[in-house]
Protein backbone atom coordinates (compact mmCIF):
# COMPACT_ATOMS: atom_id res chain seq x y z
CA UNK A 1 141.04 157.81 124.65
CA UNK A 2 144.14 155.65 124.17
CA UNK A 3 143.88 154.47 127.74
CA UNK A 4 140.28 153.33 127.21
CA UNK A 5 141.23 151.49 124.00
CA UNK A 6 144.11 149.77 125.76
CA UNK A 7 141.93 148.62 128.64
CA UNK A 8 139.32 147.37 126.15
CA UNK A 9 142.03 145.47 124.24
CA UNK A 10 143.30 143.81 127.43
CA UNK A 11 139.77 142.78 128.42
CA UNK A 12 139.12 141.38 124.93
CA UNK A 13 142.42 139.52 125.01
CA UNK A 14 141.61 137.91 128.35
CA UNK A 15 138.21 136.85 127.02
CA UNK A 16 139.83 135.28 123.94
CA UNK A 17 142.37 133.45 126.09
CA UNK A 18 139.54 132.18 128.29
CA UNK A 19 137.67 131.14 125.15
CA UNK A 20 140.71 129.13 124.04
CA UNK A 21 140.72 127.27 127.34
CA UNK A 22 136.99 126.63 127.15
CA UNK A 23 137.37 125.40 123.57
CA UNK A 24 140.12 122.94 124.54
CA UNK A 25 138.71 121.60 127.79
CA UNK A 26 134.93 121.98 127.41
CA UNK A 27 133.82 122.46 123.80
CA UNK A 28 136.29 120.13 122.06
CA UNK A 29 135.42 117.03 124.13
CA UNK A 30 131.76 117.68 123.34
CA UNK A 31 132.42 118.20 119.61
CA UNK A 32 135.05 115.54 118.91
CA UNK A 33 132.90 112.45 119.40
CA UNK A 34 131.63 109.56 117.32
CA UNK A 35 129.42 111.29 114.71
CA UNK A 36 125.73 110.53 114.87
CA UNK A 37 125.62 109.97 111.11
CA UNK A 38 128.34 107.29 111.11
CA UNK A 39 127.53 104.66 108.46
CA UNK A 40 130.69 102.86 107.34
CA UNK A 41 131.27 99.72 105.29
CA UNK A 42 134.69 98.08 105.01
CA UNK A 43 135.22 95.09 102.69
CA UNK A 44 138.15 92.78 103.40
CA UNK A 45 139.43 89.90 101.30
CA UNK A 46 141.38 86.78 102.09
CA UNK A 47 141.41 83.02 102.16
CA UNK A 48 139.74 80.35 104.26
CA UNK A 49 142.18 77.53 104.84
CA UNK A 50 139.15 75.65 106.21
CA UNK A 51 135.54 76.71 105.85
CA UNK A 52 132.39 74.93 107.02
CA UNK A 53 129.88 74.41 104.19
CA UNK A 54 126.48 74.30 105.98
CA UNK A 55 124.63 73.13 102.85
CA UNK A 56 126.78 69.99 102.67
CA UNK A 57 125.62 68.84 106.11
CA UNK A 58 122.19 68.00 104.68
CA UNK A 59 123.37 66.90 101.23
CA UNK A 60 126.27 64.76 102.39
CA UNK A 61 128.83 66.54 100.22
CA UNK A 62 132.16 68.09 101.18
CA UNK A 63 131.46 69.51 104.63
CA UNK A 64 134.72 71.42 104.93
CA UNK A 65 135.99 73.54 102.07
CA UNK A 66 139.71 74.27 101.85
CA UNK A 67 141.65 77.22 100.48
CA UNK A 68 138.46 79.06 99.55
CA UNK A 69 138.59 82.78 98.67
CA UNK A 70 136.48 84.84 101.07
CA UNK A 71 135.10 88.33 101.46
CA UNK A 72 134.44 89.82 104.89
CA UNK A 73 132.07 92.79 104.97
CA UNK A 74 132.12 94.94 108.12
CA UNK A 75 129.26 97.44 108.40
CA UNK A 76 129.08 99.89 111.30
CA UNK A 77 126.17 102.29 111.74
CA UNK A 78 125.13 104.62 114.55
CA UNK A 79 121.42 104.01 115.14
CA UNK A 80 120.94 106.77 117.69
CA UNK A 81 122.70 109.11 120.11
CA UNK A 82 121.91 110.44 123.56
CA UNK A 83 124.46 112.89 124.91
CA UNK A 84 127.75 111.07 125.42
CA UNK A 85 126.29 107.71 124.38
CA UNK A 86 125.45 106.07 121.06
CA UNK A 87 123.58 102.95 119.95
CA UNK A 88 125.72 101.20 117.36
CA UNK A 89 125.03 98.34 114.96
CA UNK A 90 128.22 96.37 114.24
CA UNK A 91 127.60 93.73 111.56
CA UNK A 92 129.99 91.28 109.91
CA UNK A 93 129.33 88.92 107.02
CA UNK A 94 131.60 86.20 105.59
CA UNK A 95 131.00 85.16 101.99
CA UNK A 96 132.57 82.74 99.56
CA UNK A 97 131.56 82.18 95.96
CA UNK A 98 128.52 84.41 96.40
CA UNK A 99 127.28 82.37 99.39
CA UNK A 100 127.01 83.77 102.91
CA UNK A 101 128.54 81.31 105.36
CA UNK A 102 128.38 83.44 108.51
CA UNK A 103 126.65 86.67 109.50
CA UNK A 104 126.30 88.47 112.82
CA UNK A 105 124.93 91.86 113.85
CA UNK A 106 125.76 93.10 117.34
CA UNK A 107 124.22 96.15 118.97
CA UNK A 108 126.36 98.03 121.43
CA UNK A 109 125.82 101.02 123.70
CA UNK A 110 129.13 102.89 123.50
CA UNK A 111 130.62 106.01 124.98
CA UNK A 112 131.12 108.35 122.02
CA UNK A 113 134.60 109.43 123.14
CA UNK A 114 136.41 106.47 124.69
CA UNK A 115 134.37 103.84 122.75
CA UNK A 116 133.94 101.78 125.88
CA UNK A 117 130.68 100.63 127.40
CA UNK A 118 127.93 103.22 127.16
CA UNK A 119 124.55 103.60 128.84
CA UNK A 120 120.94 104.45 128.14
CA UNK A 121 120.06 101.67 125.68
CA UNK A 122 118.48 98.27 126.24
CA UNK A 123 118.78 95.07 124.24
CA UNK A 124 122.52 95.53 123.67
CA UNK A 125 125.60 93.38 124.17
CA UNK A 126 127.17 94.26 127.51
CA UNK A 127 130.71 94.62 126.23
CA UNK A 128 133.53 95.62 128.58
CA UNK A 129 136.12 96.63 125.97
CA UNK A 130 136.34 98.58 122.74
CA UNK A 131 134.71 96.98 119.71
CA UNK A 132 134.81 98.64 116.26
CA UNK A 133 136.81 101.83 116.95
CA UNK A 134 139.62 103.01 119.20
CA UNK A 135 139.03 106.06 121.43
CA UNK A 136 139.04 109.58 120.05
CA UNK A 137 142.64 110.81 120.53
CA UNK A 138 144.04 107.30 120.98
CA UNK A 139 147.02 107.12 123.33
CA UNK A 140 150.27 105.17 122.99
CA UNK A 141 149.31 102.48 125.46
CA UNK A 142 147.60 99.08 125.67
CA UNK A 143 143.79 98.92 125.50
CA UNK A 144 141.19 96.32 126.37
CA UNK A 145 139.28 94.87 123.43
CA UNK A 146 136.01 92.93 123.37
CA UNK A 147 135.78 89.47 121.77
CA UNK A 148 132.15 88.93 120.75
CA UNK A 149 132.56 85.22 119.97
CA UNK A 150 133.58 84.32 123.51
CA UNK A 151 132.11 87.19 125.52
CA UNK A 152 135.54 87.91 126.95
CA UNK A 153 138.18 90.60 126.71
CA UNK A 154 141.64 90.60 125.20
CA UNK A 155 144.62 92.94 125.44
CA UNK A 156 145.27 95.22 122.46
CA UNK A 157 149.02 95.70 122.73
CA UNK A 158 150.51 99.00 121.55
CA UNK A 159 153.54 98.24 119.34
CA UNK A 160 154.62 101.59 117.88
CA UNK A 161 153.89 103.84 114.92
CA UNK A 162 153.75 103.24 111.18
CA UNK A 163 152.47 104.93 108.04
CA UNK A 164 149.52 103.12 106.46
CA UNK A 165 147.71 104.40 103.42
CA UNK A 166 149.59 107.68 103.77
CA UNK A 167 148.29 108.14 107.34
CA UNK A 168 150.46 108.11 110.44
CA UNK A 169 149.03 105.35 112.64
CA UNK A 170 149.53 103.58 115.95
CA UNK A 171 150.02 99.82 115.61
CA UNK A 172 148.21 97.40 117.94
CA UNK A 173 148.30 93.61 118.06
CA UNK A 174 145.99 91.09 119.70
CA UNK A 175 146.49 87.42 120.52
CA UNK A 176 143.19 86.01 121.73
CA UNK A 177 143.63 82.81 123.69
CA UNK A 178 141.55 79.70 122.92
CA UNK A 179 138.16 79.93 124.63
CA UNK A 180 134.65 78.45 124.17
CA UNK A 181 132.33 80.25 121.78
CA UNK A 182 129.35 81.58 123.74
CA UNK A 183 127.83 84.11 121.33
CA UNK A 184 124.19 83.08 120.66
CA UNK A 185 124.15 84.60 117.16
CA UNK A 186 127.16 82.62 115.99
CA UNK A 187 126.13 79.40 117.71
CA UNK A 188 122.72 79.58 116.03
CA UNK A 189 124.51 79.24 112.67
CA UNK A 190 126.54 76.20 113.71
CA UNK A 191 125.15 72.72 114.33
CA UNK A 192 124.84 72.11 118.06
CA UNK A 193 124.21 68.36 117.78
CA UNK A 194 123.83 65.56 115.25
CA UNK A 195 122.58 61.97 115.30
CA UNK A 196 125.47 59.58 115.67
CA UNK A 197 124.60 57.78 112.45
CA UNK A 198 124.63 61.04 110.49
CA UNK A 199 127.97 62.01 112.00
CA UNK A 200 129.44 58.67 110.95
CA UNK A 201 128.26 59.29 107.39
CA UNK A 202 129.70 62.80 107.37
CA UNK A 203 133.01 61.85 108.96
CA UNK A 204 134.57 61.17 105.57
CA UNK A 205 133.63 64.66 104.40
CA UNK A 206 135.43 66.36 107.26
CA UNK A 207 138.74 66.02 105.44
CA UNK A 208 140.50 64.77 108.56
CA UNK A 209 143.95 63.21 108.44
CA UNK A 210 143.82 59.43 108.74
CA UNK A 211 145.01 59.38 112.35
CA UNK A 212 142.36 61.90 113.42
CA UNK A 213 139.69 60.00 111.50
CA UNK A 214 140.64 56.77 113.28
CA UNK A 215 140.56 58.58 116.62
CA UNK A 216 137.08 59.95 115.87
CA UNK A 217 135.80 56.48 114.95
CA UNK A 218 137.19 55.10 118.19
CA UNK A 219 135.56 57.90 120.19
CA UNK A 220 132.10 57.63 118.62
CA UNK A 221 130.90 54.51 120.50
CA UNK A 222 131.37 56.29 123.84
CA UNK A 223 129.42 59.39 122.75
CA UNK A 224 125.74 60.02 123.52
CA UNK A 225 123.19 59.97 120.71
CA UNK A 226 122.70 62.61 119.40
CA UNK A 227 126.29 63.81 119.63
CA UNK A 228 126.57 67.28 121.14
CA UNK A 229 128.99 69.86 119.72
CA UNK A 230 130.89 72.74 121.29
CA UNK A 231 133.15 75.28 119.59
CA UNK A 232 136.31 77.16 120.49
CA UNK A 233 137.65 80.46 119.16
CA UNK A 234 141.18 81.84 118.83
CA UNK A 235 142.55 84.77 116.83
CA UNK A 236 145.60 86.90 116.15
CA UNK A 237 145.37 90.35 114.62
CA UNK A 238 147.23 93.55 113.80
CA UNK A 239 145.47 96.91 113.60
CA UNK A 240 146.71 100.24 112.24
CA UNK A 241 144.78 103.01 114.03
CA UNK A 242 144.63 106.74 113.22
CA UNK A 243 145.22 108.31 116.66
CA UNK A 244 143.12 111.48 116.33
CA UNK A 245 139.89 109.76 115.29
CA UNK A 246 140.53 106.20 116.49
CA UNK A 247 139.56 104.88 113.06
CA UNK A 248 141.04 101.53 112.02
CA UNK A 249 142.89 102.36 108.80
CA UNK A 250 143.94 98.77 108.13
CA UNK A 251 143.65 95.36 109.76
CA UNK A 252 145.00 91.86 109.28
CA UNK A 253 143.23 89.06 111.13
CA UNK A 254 143.59 85.29 111.47
CA UNK A 255 140.56 83.66 113.10
CA UNK A 256 140.19 79.97 113.94
CA UNK A 257 137.03 78.21 115.15
CA UNK A 258 137.29 74.58 116.19
CA UNK A 259 134.55 71.99 116.71
CA UNK A 260 134.65 69.72 119.76
CA UNK A 261 132.58 66.65 120.71
CA UNK A 262 131.00 66.87 124.15
CA UNK A 263 131.40 63.82 126.37
CA UNK A 264 129.86 64.50 129.75
CA UNK A 265 131.55 67.64 131.05
CA UNK A 266 134.49 67.36 128.64
CA UNK A 267 134.75 68.81 125.12
CA UNK A 268 137.19 66.93 122.89
CA UNK A 269 138.50 69.13 120.02
CA UNK A 270 138.16 67.43 116.63
CA UNK A 271 138.97 69.77 113.76
CA UNK A 272 138.85 73.36 112.53
CA UNK A 273 135.55 74.41 110.96
CA UNK A 274 136.59 78.01 110.18
CA UNK A 275 140.14 79.17 109.59
CA UNK A 276 140.10 82.64 108.03
CA UNK A 277 142.86 85.10 107.16
CA UNK A 278 141.92 88.46 105.68
CA UNK A 279 143.12 92.05 105.27
CA UNK A 280 142.26 95.28 103.43
CA UNK A 281 142.43 95.35 99.64
CA UNK A 282 143.73 98.63 98.13
CA UNK A 283 140.27 100.21 97.70
CA UNK A 284 139.29 99.55 101.32
CA UNK A 285 142.63 100.86 102.60
CA UNK A 286 142.28 104.05 100.54
CA UNK A 287 138.72 104.69 101.74
CA UNK A 288 139.63 104.09 105.40
CA UNK A 289 142.68 106.36 105.12
CA UNK A 290 140.60 109.19 103.63
CA UNK A 291 137.96 108.75 106.32
CA UNK A 292 140.68 108.90 108.98
CA UNK A 293 142.10 112.10 107.48
CA UNK A 294 138.69 113.80 107.35
CA UNK A 295 137.68 112.81 110.88
CA UNK A 296 141.18 113.51 112.20
CA UNK A 297 141.18 117.04 110.77
CA UNK A 298 137.92 117.79 112.58
CA UNK A 299 139.34 116.52 115.88
CA UNK A 300 142.58 118.50 115.41
CA UNK A 301 140.58 121.65 114.63
CA UNK A 302 138.57 121.35 117.84
CA UNK A 303 141.39 120.26 120.15
CA UNK A 304 144.38 122.14 118.72
CA UNK A 305 143.86 124.72 115.95
CA UNK A 306 140.96 126.72 117.41
CA UNK A 307 142.28 126.78 121.02
CA UNK A 308 145.70 127.93 119.79
CA UNK A 309 144.16 130.58 117.53
CA UNK A 310 141.99 131.95 120.34
CA UNK A 311 144.78 131.89 122.91
CA UNK A 312 147.26 133.49 120.48
CA UNK A 313 144.79 136.21 119.54
CA UNK A 314 144.08 136.84 123.21
CA UNK A 315 147.77 137.13 124.02
CA UNK A 316 148.27 139.58 121.16
CA UNK A 317 145.42 141.82 122.34
CA UNK A 318 146.74 141.76 125.91
CA UNK A 319 150.25 142.73 124.77
CA UNK A 320 148.94 145.53 122.58
CA UNK A 321 146.78 146.76 125.45
CA UNK A 322 149.71 146.76 127.87
CA UNK A 323 151.89 148.61 125.37
CA UNK A 324 149.07 151.09 124.82
CA UNK A 325 148.77 151.75 128.56
CA UNK A 326 152.51 152.22 128.86
CA UNK A 327 152.61 154.66 125.97
CA UNK A 328 149.62 156.61 127.24
CA UNK A 329 151.39 157.18 130.55
CA UNK A 330 154.47 158.56 128.79
CA UNK A 331 152.50 160.83 126.47
CA UNK A 332 153.09 164.54 127.53
CA UNK A 333 149.97 166.40 128.60
CA UNK A 334 148.29 168.50 125.96
CA UNK A 335 149.26 172.19 126.50
CA UNK A 336 146.36 174.37 127.62
CA UNK A 337 145.70 177.74 125.89
CA UNK A 338 146.32 180.80 128.09
CA UNK A 339 143.08 182.54 129.06
CA UNK A 340 142.41 185.87 127.47
CA UNK A 341 142.48 188.93 129.68
CA UNK A 342 139.18 190.76 129.97
CA UNK A 343 139.47 194.38 129.16
CA UNK A 344 136.50 196.50 130.22
CA UNK A 345 135.08 198.78 127.60
CA UNK A 346 135.44 202.49 128.19
């Protein structure tokens, strides 16, 4: 009986150990993905050193506001999932004084684990870098990020570790080089051209230094009518990322958008129309940190805790089974009773 129990224990232990391996290498990657019910809003606050006031273009008032307090609302929602892929809405809104001055809503098809380009959805931005979230189980290395304004990529440089909001994070920085804005959503909110006479009237409201204003007045006669505009984008940023879930716990960004006057095939930069610096207020930081802890615990459970528990339990059963077999071999045989002699009657 002991031998049978020992063999059963060894078999059960091997099954548990196999289950631990399956949990780590098969089940965990399928479980630890971007949740299908993701619906997250982060509100950042900061200051616009320069901010285009679209209403003033028609009224003739101050076209560029300076040192205006701003709020940046970032809303991310998973609209649907299909296996390893998800359809994601990534919306950002910039507000000042209760007025929305910029709003975009991008739809991405993303891989639910590495957060790179996904498949299976149409009508999406064809990004070639990560957008709103770092990969599940982020590594200590550089990543490629997607810049929606320019339709280009940038390097997200790994810089080390730091505690943010009570969460151990990996720190990444980005320095996006100056490039033309190509995003149709953003360009639709910015004037693409203006009659020369109207531009002359608005020139005083641009808040340009005297030397730049003189240069603009000298350039105007050589420009076509209407005057065509182009825009450039540049940004620097620091991100604090929870490695297990890839959630951005905190971020500090400085974004600059510059208007340029188009003369033939050349775009001559004139002045900044958006110069924003923003970061997480305490409430946003606390909410992001808690979200990172919750999602990180789920990832750790799938990738670490359950595989270790199964493998440890399997090893214990195997050891007990081996000991049981060894002991059963050393157990002395049970003595047999001597048969009774048959004595015939009579």
